[in-house]
Amino acid sequence: MVIRDIKPEDNPQLAKIIKAVFEELHAPLVDTVYDDPRTNSLYEQFDGCASRYFVVEDEGEVLGGCGYYPTEGLPAGYAELVKFYFAPKLRGRGVGSQIFGKVIGEARIAGYTHLYIESFPEFAVAVSLYKKHGFVPLPNRLGHSGHFGTSIHMVKEL
């Protein structure tokens, strides 16, 4: 298993995994990553800006990923932890904590002071991972992700 930077050819598999997670967990499909057209072109979203997206690949198969992105409207020094989704066969193997730590470390190296995240109650396992890694709840959303369907907003000081 390898964690690597995203490539253009990863786009279709990542979009498929992300949408499948929403369907599997019965999360909202409107005003979320699910119906955001940018989900289909993640490589292009992360190319050329102060961001990074990491993919988990096992035996040539993309199984998920996670990244950080300077979402418009966030306070200075903030980036958003984004698109943290795994195929079912990757879950429960400790890879989530591994990639999560990599994203946090790389965001810190990139000069960010905080990571912000948006989520849903349906993603309770992920939310518990965020808490384990020091994210704390916020009373409202930050920035302009366009994902108005989210109801959980958290931040971590780096």
N, C-alpha and C. Protein backbone atom coordinates (compact mmCIF):
# COMPACT_ATOMS: atom_id res chain seq x y z
N MET A 1 0.84 -1.17 0.00
CA MET A 1 0.00 0.00 0.00
C MET A 1 0.89 1.24 0.00
N VAL A 2 0.49 2.23 -0.78
CA VAL A 2 1.27 3.45 -0.88
C VAL A 2 0.35 4.68 -0.77
N ILE A 3 0.87 5.72 -0.14
CA ILE A 3 0.18 7.02 -0.10
C ILE A 3 1.00 7.94 -1.00
N ARG A 4 0.35 8.50 -2.00
CA ARG A 4 1.05 9.32 -2.99
C ARG A 4 0.19 10.53 -3.37
N ASP A 5 0.81 11.46 -4.08
CA ASP A 5 0.07 12.61 -4.59
C ASP A 5 -0.91 12.17 -5.69
N ILE A 6 -2.00 12.90 -5.80
CA ILE A 6 -3.01 12.63 -6.80
C ILE A 6 -2.45 12.80 -8.22
N LYS A 7 -2.98 12.00 -9.14
CA LYS A 7 -2.65 12.09 -10.57
C LYS A 7 -3.96 12.32 -11.34
N PRO A 8 -3.88 12.89 -12.54
CA PRO A 8 -5.11 13.14 -13.31
C PRO A 8 -5.96 11.88 -13.52
N GLU A 9 -5.31 10.75 -13.72
CA GLU A 9 -6.06 9.51 -13.98
C GLU A 9 -6.78 8.97 -12.74
N ASP A 10 -6.55 9.57 -11.57
CA ASP A 10 -7.24 9.15 -10.35
C ASP A 10 -8.66 9.71 -10.25
N ASN A 11 -8.95 10.76 -11.02
CA ASN A 11 -10.23 11.45 -10.89
C ASN A 11 -11.46 10.54 -10.92
N PRO A 12 -11.62 9.69 -11.92
CA PRO A 12 -12.85 8.88 -11.97
C PRO A 12 -13.03 7.96 -10.76
N GLN A 13 -11.97 7.30 -10.33
CA GLN A 13 -12.09 6.37 -9.21
C GLN A 13 -12.38 7.12 -7.91
N LEU A 14 -11.73 8.25 -7.70
CA LEU A 14 -11.98 9.03 -6.48
C LEU A 14 -13.42 9.54 -6.44
N ALA A 15 -13.92 10.06 -7.55
CA ALA A 15 -15.30 10.53 -7.59
C ALA A 15 -16.27 9.39 -7.28
N LYS A 16 -16.00 8.22 -7.82
CA LYS A 16 -16.84 7.04 -7.58
C LYS A 16 -16.84 6.68 -6.09
N ILE A 17 -15.67 6.66 -5.46
CA ILE A 17 -15.55 6.32 -4.04
C ILE A 17 -16.30 7.34 -3.19
N ILE A 18 -16.08 8.62 -3.45
CA ILE A 18 -16.72 9.68 -2.66
C ILE A 18 -18.23 9.57 -2.73
N LYS A 19 -18.77 9.44 -3.92
CA LYS A 19 -20.23 9.36 -4.08
C LYS A 19 -20.79 8.09 -3.45
N ALA A 20 -20.05 6.99 -3.55
CA ALA A 20 -20.51 5.73 -2.95
C ALA A 20 -20.58 5.84 -1.43
N VAL A 21 -19.64 6.56 -0.81
CA VAL A 21 -19.67 6.73 0.65
C VAL A 21 -20.92 7.50 1.06
N PHE A 22 -21.26 8.54 0.34
CA PHE A 22 -22.47 9.30 0.66
C PHE A 22 -23.70 8.41 0.57
N GLU A 23 -23.78 7.60 -0.48
CA GLU A 23 -24.93 6.71 -0.65
C GLU A 23 -24.95 5.64 0.44
N GLU A 24 -23.82 5.04 0.71
CA GLU A 24 -23.71 3.98 1.72
C GLU A 24 -24.17 4.46 3.10
N LEU A 25 -23.76 5.67 3.49
CA LEU A 25 -24.05 6.18 4.83
C LEU A 25 -25.30 7.06 4.89
N HIS A 26 -26.00 7.15 3.77
CA HIS A 26 -27.25 7.92 3.70
C HIS A 26 -27.05 9.38 4.11
N ALA A 27 -25.94 9.95 3.66
CA ALA A 27 -25.64 11.36 3.93
C ALA A 27 -26.38 12.23 2.91
N PRO A 28 -26.55 13.50 3.22
CA PRO A 28 -27.23 14.41 2.27
C PRO A 28 -26.49 14.45 0.92
N LEU A 29 -27.29 14.45 -0.15
CA LEU A 29 -26.71 14.43 -1.49
C LEU A 29 -26.75 15.79 -2.18
N VAL A 30 -27.44 16.75 -1.57
CA VAL A 30 -27.60 18.07 -2.17
C VAL A 30 -26.82 19.10 -1.37
N ASP A 31 -26.20 20.03 -2.07
CA ASP A 31 -25.37 21.07 -1.44
C ASP A 31 -24.22 20.47 -0.64
N THR A 32 -23.66 19.39 -1.18
CA THR A 32 -22.55 18.69 -0.53
C THR A 32 -21.50 18.36 -1.58
N VAL A 33 -20.46 17.67 -1.16
CA VAL A 33 -19.44 17.19 -2.08
C VAL A 33 -20.06 16.27 -3.14
N TYR A 34 -21.13 15.58 -2.76
CA TYR A 34 -21.77 14.63 -3.67
C TYR A 34 -22.21 15.28 -4.97
N ASP A 35 -22.87 16.42 -4.88
CA ASP A 35 -23.37 17.06 -6.11
C ASP A 35 -22.49 18.23 -6.59
N ASP A 36 -21.33 18.40 -5.99
CA ASP A 36 -20.39 19.43 -6.40
C ASP A 36 -19.66 18.94 -7.65
N PRO A 37 -19.76 19.64 -8.78
CA PRO A 37 -19.09 19.18 -10.00
C PRO A 37 -17.57 19.08 -9.87
N ARG A 38 -16.98 19.80 -8.93
CA ARG A 38 -15.52 19.74 -8.72
C ARG A 38 -15.06 18.37 -8.22
N THR A 39 -15.99 17.59 -7.66
CA THR A 39 -15.65 16.25 -7.18
C THR A 39 -15.17 15.36 -8.32
N ASN A 40 -15.61 15.64 -9.52
CA ASN A 40 -15.21 14.84 -10.68
C ASN A 40 -13.84 15.21 -11.24
N SER A 41 -13.25 16.28 -10.74
CA SER A 41 -11.96 16.74 -11.28
C SER A 41 -11.05 17.19 -10.14
N LEU A 42 -10.83 16.31 -9.19
CA LEU A 42 -10.03 16.67 -8.02
C LEU A 42 -8.59 17.05 -8.38
N TYR A 43 -7.99 16.34 -9.30
CA TYR A 43 -6.61 16.68 -9.67
C TYR A 43 -6.52 18.14 -10.08
N GLU A 44 -7.43 18.57 -10.92
CA GLU A 44 -7.41 19.94 -11.41
C GLU A 44 -7.66 20.95 -10.29
N GLN A 45 -8.46 20.57 -9.30
CA GLN A 45 -8.74 21.46 -8.18
C GLN A 45 -7.51 21.71 -7.32
N PHE A 46 -6.67 20.70 -7.22
CA PHE A 46 -5.50 20.79 -6.34
C PHE A 46 -4.24 21.23 -7.09
N ASP A 47 -4.30 21.27 -8.39
CA ASP A 47 -3.13 21.61 -9.19
C ASP A 47 -2.92 23.12 -9.22
N GLY A 48 -1.73 23.56 -8.84
CA GLY A 48 -1.37 24.95 -8.99
C GLY A 48 -1.83 25.90 -7.89
N CYS A 49 -2.29 25.38 -6.77
CA CYS A 49 -2.62 26.26 -5.64
C CYS A 49 -1.95 25.69 -4.39
N ALA A 50 -2.04 26.42 -3.31
CA ALA A 50 -1.36 26.04 -2.06
C ALA A 50 -2.13 24.90 -1.38
N SER A 51 -2.17 23.76 -2.05
CA SER A 51 -2.92 22.61 -1.55
C SER A 51 -2.22 21.33 -1.96
N ARG A 52 -2.67 20.23 -1.36
CA ARG A 52 -2.19 18.89 -1.74
C ARG A 52 -3.28 17.88 -1.47
N TYR A 53 -3.32 16.87 -2.31
CA TYR A 53 -4.25 15.77 -2.11
C TYR A 53 -3.48 14.47 -2.25
N PHE A 54 -3.66 13.61 -1.27
CA PHE A 54 -2.97 12.33 -1.23
C PHE A 54 -3.96 11.19 -1.49
N VAL A 55 -3.50 10.23 -2.26
CA VAL A 55 -4.30 9.07 -2.65
C VAL A 55 -3.70 7.83 -2.00
N VAL A 56 -4.56 6.94 -1.55
CA VAL A 56 -4.12 5.64 -1.06
C VAL A 56 -4.33 4.65 -2.20
N GLU A 57 -3.24 3.99 -2.57
CA GLU A 57 -3.28 3.02 -3.66
C GLU A 57 -2.77 1.68 -3.14
N ASP A 58 -3.48 0.62 -3.48
CA ASP A 58 -3.07 -0.72 -3.09
C ASP A 58 -3.10 -1.62 -4.32
N GLU A 59 -1.94 -2.15 -4.67
CA GLU A 59 -1.81 -3.03 -5.83
C GLU A 59 -2.43 -2.40 -7.08
N GLY A 60 -2.15 -1.10 -7.29
CA GLY A 60 -2.61 -0.40 -8.47
C GLY A 60 -4.03 0.12 -8.40
N GLU A 61 -4.73 -0.15 -7.32
CA GLU A 61 -6.12 0.30 -7.18
C GLU A 61 -6.20 1.48 -6.22
N VAL A 62 -6.84 2.55 -6.66
CA VAL A 62 -7.08 3.71 -5.81
C VAL A 62 -8.22 3.38 -4.86
N LEU A 63 -7.97 3.56 -3.54
CA LEU A 63 -8.97 3.19 -2.54
C LEU A 63 -9.46 4.36 -1.70
N GLY A 64 -8.95 5.55 -1.98
CA GLY A 64 -9.41 6.73 -1.24
C GLY A 64 -8.35 7.79 -1.17
N GLY A 65 -8.63 8.82 -0.36
CA GLY A 65 -7.66 9.88 -0.22
C GLY A 65 -8.11 10.96 0.73
N CYS A 66 -7.26 11.98 0.85
CA CYS A 66 -7.51 13.11 1.75
C CYS A 66 -6.54 14.23 1.37
N GLY A 67 -6.95 15.47 1.59
CA GLY A 67 -6.07 16.59 1.28
C GLY A 67 -6.39 17.83 2.07
N TYR A 68 -5.67 18.89 1.77
CA TYR A 68 -5.96 20.20 2.35
C TYR A 68 -6.03 21.22 1.22
N TYR A 69 -6.86 22.24 1.42
CA TYR A 69 -7.17 23.19 0.35
C TYR A 69 -7.48 24.56 0.96
N PRO A 70 -6.99 25.64 0.33
CA PRO A 70 -7.26 26.99 0.86
C PRO A 70 -8.64 27.49 0.42
N THR A 71 -9.68 26.96 1.00
CA THR A 71 -11.04 27.30 0.63
C THR A 71 -11.27 28.81 0.75
N GLU A 72 -11.93 29.34 -0.25
CA GLU A 72 -12.23 30.77 -0.28
C GLU A 72 -12.98 31.21 0.97
N GLY A 73 -12.59 32.35 1.52
CA GLY A 73 -13.29 32.93 2.65
C GLY A 73 -12.83 32.46 4.02
N LEU A 74 -11.88 31.53 4.07
CA LEU A 74 -11.35 31.11 5.37
C LEU A 74 -10.44 32.20 5.92
N PRO A 75 -10.31 32.28 7.24
CA PRO A 75 -9.39 33.26 7.82
C PRO A 75 -7.95 33.02 7.34
N ALA A 76 -7.14 34.04 7.43
CA ALA A 76 -5.73 33.93 7.05
C ALA A 76 -5.07 32.80 7.83
N GLY A 77 -4.28 31.99 7.15
CA GLY A 77 -3.57 30.88 7.78
C GLY A 77 -4.37 29.59 7.85
N TYR A 78 -5.61 29.61 7.43
CA TYR A 78 -6.47 28.43 7.49
C TYR A 78 -6.51 27.72 6.14
N ALA A 79 -6.58 26.40 6.18
CA ALA A 79 -6.89 25.57 5.02
C ALA A 79 -7.99 24.61 5.47
N GLU A 80 -8.69 24.07 4.51
CA GLU A 80 -9.73 23.09 4.83
C GLU A 80 -9.19 21.68 4.57
N LEU A 81 -9.41 20.79 5.50
CA LEU A 81 -9.12 19.38 5.29
C LEU A 81 -10.29 18.84 4.46
N VAL A 82 -9.98 18.29 3.29
CA VAL A 82 -11.05 17.98 2.34
C VAL A 82 -10.96 16.57 1.77
N LYS A 83 -12.11 16.12 1.32
CA LYS A 83 -12.27 14.89 0.54
C LYS A 83 -11.60 13.68 1.19
N PHE A 84 -11.92 13.47 2.46
CA PHE A 84 -11.38 12.34 3.21
C PHE A 84 -12.37 11.19 3.12
N TYR A 85 -12.19 10.34 2.11
CA TYR A 85 -13.10 9.25 1.84
C TYR A 85 -12.32 8.00 1.47
N PHE A 86 -12.79 6.85 1.99
CA PHE A 86 -12.15 5.57 1.71
C PHE A 86 -13.19 4.56 1.24
N ALA A 87 -12.76 3.68 0.34
CA ALA A 87 -13.56 2.52 -0.04
C ALA A 87 -13.69 1.61 1.18
N PRO A 88 -14.79 0.88 1.32
CA PRO A 88 -15.01 0.04 2.50
C PRO A 88 -13.86 -0.91 2.82
N LYS A 89 -13.22 -1.50 1.81
CA LYS A 89 -12.17 -2.48 2.10
C LYS A 89 -10.91 -1.86 2.68
N LEU A 90 -10.80 -0.54 2.68
CA LEU A 90 -9.64 0.13 3.25
C LEU A 90 -9.87 0.54 4.71
N ARG A 91 -11.11 0.64 5.10
CA ARG A 91 -11.45 1.12 6.44
C ARG A 91 -11.07 0.11 7.51
N GLY A 92 -10.76 0.64 8.72
CA GLY A 92 -10.46 -0.20 9.86
C GLY A 92 -9.06 -0.79 9.85
N ARG A 93 -8.20 -0.31 8.98
CA ARG A 93 -6.85 -0.84 8.86
C ARG A 93 -5.79 0.15 9.33
N GLY A 94 -6.23 1.27 9.92
CA GLY A 94 -5.29 2.26 10.43
C GLY A 94 -4.78 3.24 9.39
N VAL A 95 -5.21 3.10 8.16
CA VAL A 95 -4.73 3.96 7.08
C VAL A 95 -5.31 5.37 7.23
N GLY A 96 -6.51 5.47 7.78
CA GLY A 96 -7.11 6.79 7.99
C GLY A 96 -6.25 7.67 8.87
N SER A 97 -5.80 7.14 9.99
CA SER A 97 -4.92 7.90 10.88
C SER A 97 -3.60 8.22 10.21
N GLN A 98 -3.10 7.29 9.41
CA GLN A 98 -1.83 7.50 8.72
C GLN A 98 -1.92 8.65 7.72
N ILE A 99 -2.93 8.63 6.86
CA ILE A 99 -3.05 9.69 5.86
C ILE A 99 -3.44 11.01 6.52
N PHE A 100 -4.24 10.91 7.56
CA PHE A 100 -4.65 12.10 8.31
C PHE A 100 -3.42 12.80 8.88
N GLY A 101 -2.53 12.04 9.49
CA GLY A 101 -1.30 12.61 10.03
C GLY A 101 -0.44 13.23 8.95
N LYS A 102 -0.38 12.59 7.79
CA LYS A 102 0.40 13.13 6.67
C LYS A 102 -0.18 14.47 6.20
N VAL A 103 -1.49 14.54 6.05
CA VAL A 103 -2.13 15.78 5.60
C VAL A 103 -1.89 16.90 6.62
N ILE A 104 -2.05 16.60 7.88
CA ILE A 104 -1.83 17.61 8.93
C ILE A 104 -0.38 18.09 8.88
N GLY A 105 0.56 17.18 8.80
CA GLY A 105 1.98 17.55 8.74
C GLY A 105 2.32 18.37 7.52
N GLU A 106 1.80 18.00 6.37
CA GLU A 106 2.10 18.72 5.13
C GLU A 106 1.44 20.11 5.13
N ALA A 107 0.25 20.22 5.71
CA ALA A 107 -0.39 21.54 5.81
C ALA A 107 0.44 22.46 6.71
N ARG A 108 0.97 21.91 7.77
CA ARG A 108 1.83 22.68 8.68
C ARG A 108 3.09 23.15 7.94
N ILE A 109 3.72 22.24 7.20
CA ILE A 109 4.92 22.58 6.42
C ILE A 109 4.60 23.66 5.39
N ALA A 110 3.40 23.61 4.82
CA ALA A 110 2.98 24.60 3.82
C ALA A 110 2.72 25.98 4.43
N GLY A 111 2.75 26.07 5.76
CA GLY A 111 2.60 27.35 6.43
C GLY A 111 1.22 27.64 7.00
N TYR A 112 0.33 26.67 6.93
CA TYR A 112 -0.99 26.88 7.51
C TYR A 112 -0.92 26.80 9.03
N THR A 113 -1.77 27.57 9.70
CA THR A 113 -1.81 27.59 11.16
C THR A 113 -3.00 26.81 11.72
N HIS A 114 -4.01 26.59 10.87
CA HIS A 114 -5.22 25.89 11.29
C HIS A 114 -5.77 25.05 10.14
N LEU A 115 -6.43 23.96 10.50
CA LEU A 115 -7.19 23.17 9.54
C LEU A 115 -8.65 23.19 9.97
N TYR A 116 -9.51 23.42 9.02
CA TYR A 116 -10.95 23.48 9.22
C TYR A 116 -11.56 22.29 8.49
N ILE A 117 -12.67 21.77 9.02
CA ILE A 117 -13.33 20.66 8.35
C ILE A 117 -14.84 20.78 8.50
N GLU A 118 -15.54 20.32 7.46
CA GLU A 118 -17.01 20.25 7.47
C GLU A 118 -17.40 18.78 7.35
N SER A 119 -18.46 18.38 8.07
CA SER A 119 -18.87 16.98 8.01
C SER A 119 -20.36 16.84 8.34
N PHE A 120 -20.76 15.61 8.61
CA PHE A 120 -22.15 15.24 8.86
C PHE A 120 -22.24 14.24 10.01
N PRO A 121 -23.36 14.18 10.71
CA PRO A 121 -23.54 13.15 11.74
C PRO A 121 -23.44 11.73 11.16
N GLU A 122 -23.81 11.57 9.90
CA GLU A 122 -23.75 10.26 9.26
C GLU A 122 -22.31 9.74 9.16
N PHE A 123 -21.35 10.63 9.24
CA PHE A 123 -19.94 10.26 9.16
C PHE A 123 -19.33 10.21 10.56
N ALA A 124 -20.04 9.61 11.50
CA ALA A 124 -19.64 9.60 12.92
C ALA A 124 -18.25 9.01 13.14
N VAL A 125 -17.89 7.98 12.39
CA VAL A 125 -16.57 7.37 12.56
C VAL A 125 -15.48 8.38 12.19
N ALA A 126 -15.68 9.09 11.10
CA ALA A 126 -14.70 10.11 10.69
C ALA A 126 -14.65 11.25 11.70
N VAL A 127 -15.81 11.67 12.18
CA VAL A 127 -15.86 12.77 13.16
C VAL A 127 -15.10 12.37 14.42
N SER A 128 -15.21 11.12 14.83
CA SER A 128 -14.46 10.68 16.02
C SER A 128 -12.96 10.70 15.74
N LEU A 129 -12.56 10.40 14.51
CA LEU A 129 -11.14 10.48 14.14
C LEU A 129 -10.67 11.93 14.19
N TYR A 130 -11.50 12.85 13.73
CA TYR A 130 -11.13 14.28 13.78
C TYR A 130 -10.91 14.70 15.23
N LYS A 131 -11.81 14.29 16.11
CA LYS A 131 -11.67 14.64 17.53
C LYS A 131 -10.39 14.02 18.11
N LYS A 132 -10.11 12.78 17.75
CA LYS A 132 -8.91 12.09 18.23
C LYS A 132 -7.65 12.85 17.82
N HIS A 133 -7.70 13.51 16.67
CA HIS A 133 -6.55 14.26 16.17
C HIS A 133 -6.58 15.74 16.55
N GLY A 134 -7.43 16.09 17.51
CA GLY A 134 -7.39 17.44 18.07
C GLY A 134 -8.33 18.47 17.46
N PHE A 135 -9.22 18.07 16.59
CA PHE A 135 -10.21 19.01 16.06
C PHE A 135 -11.26 19.28 17.12
N VAL A 136 -11.69 20.52 17.22
CA VAL A 136 -12.72 20.92 18.19
C VAL A 136 -13.90 21.53 17.44
N PRO A 137 -15.11 21.34 17.97
CA PRO A 137 -16.30 21.86 17.30
C PRO A 137 -16.34 23.38 17.24
N LEU A 138 -16.93 23.88 16.18
CA LEU A 138 -17.20 25.30 16.01
C LEU A 138 -18.71 25.51 16.02
N PRO A 139 -19.19 26.69 16.42
CA PRO A 139 -20.63 26.93 16.43
C PRO A 139 -21.23 27.14 15.04
N ASN A 140 -20.39 27.45 14.05
CA ASN A 140 -20.91 27.68 12.70
C ASN A 140 -19.80 27.43 11.67
N ARG A 141 -20.19 27.44 10.42
CA ARG A 141 -19.25 27.18 9.33
C ARG A 141 -18.32 28.36 9.10
N LEU A 142 -17.18 28.08 8.47
CA LEU A 142 -16.23 29.10 8.05
C LEU A 142 -16.05 28.99 6.54
N GLY A 143 -15.74 30.07 5.90
CA GLY A 143 -15.41 30.05 4.48
C GLY A 143 -16.61 29.80 3.59
N HIS A 144 -16.29 29.59 2.32
CA HIS A 144 -17.31 29.48 1.28
C HIS A 144 -17.10 28.22 0.44
N SER A 145 -17.22 27.07 1.06
CA SER A 145 -17.03 25.81 0.34
C SER A 145 -18.17 25.55 -0.64
N GLY A 146 -19.33 26.13 -0.38
CA GLY A 146 -20.51 25.86 -1.19
C GLY A 146 -21.25 24.61 -0.75
N HIS A 147 -20.77 23.97 0.30
CA HIS A 147 -21.39 22.74 0.80
C HIS A 147 -22.29 23.08 1.99
N PHE A 148 -23.43 23.66 1.70
CA PHE A 148 -24.33 24.14 2.75
C PHE A 148 -25.08 23.02 3.46
N GLY A 149 -24.95 21.80 2.97
CA GLY A 149 -25.60 20.66 3.60
C GLY A 149 -24.88 20.14 4.83
N THR A 150 -23.66 20.61 5.07
CA THR A 150 -22.91 20.12 6.24
C THR A 150 -23.47 20.72 7.52
N SER A 151 -23.38 19.95 8.60
CA SER A 151 -23.91 20.44 9.88
C SER A 151 -22.87 20.36 11.00
N ILE A 152 -21.72 19.76 10.73
CA ILE A 152 -20.64 19.68 11.71
C ILE A 152 -19.47 20.48 11.16
N HIS A 153 -18.94 21.39 12.00
CA HIS A 153 -17.83 22.25 11.59
C HIS A 153 -16.80 22.22 12.72
N MET A 154 -15.54 21.96 12.36
CA MET A 154 -14.50 21.79 13.37
C MET A 154 -13.22 22.46 12.91
N VAL A 155 -12.32 22.72 13.86
CA VAL A 155 -11.05 23.33 13.54
C VAL A 155 -9.96 22.73 14.43
N LYS A 156 -8.74 22.74 13.89
CA LYS A 156 -7.57 22.29 14.64
C LYS A 156 -6.47 23.31 14.46
N GLU A 157 -5.88 23.73 15.57
CA GLU A 157 -4.72 24.60 15.49
C GLU A 157 -3.50 23.73 15.20
N LEU A 158 -2.71 24.16 14.23
CA LEU A 158 -1.51 23.41 13.88
C LEU A 158 -0.32 23.94 14.65
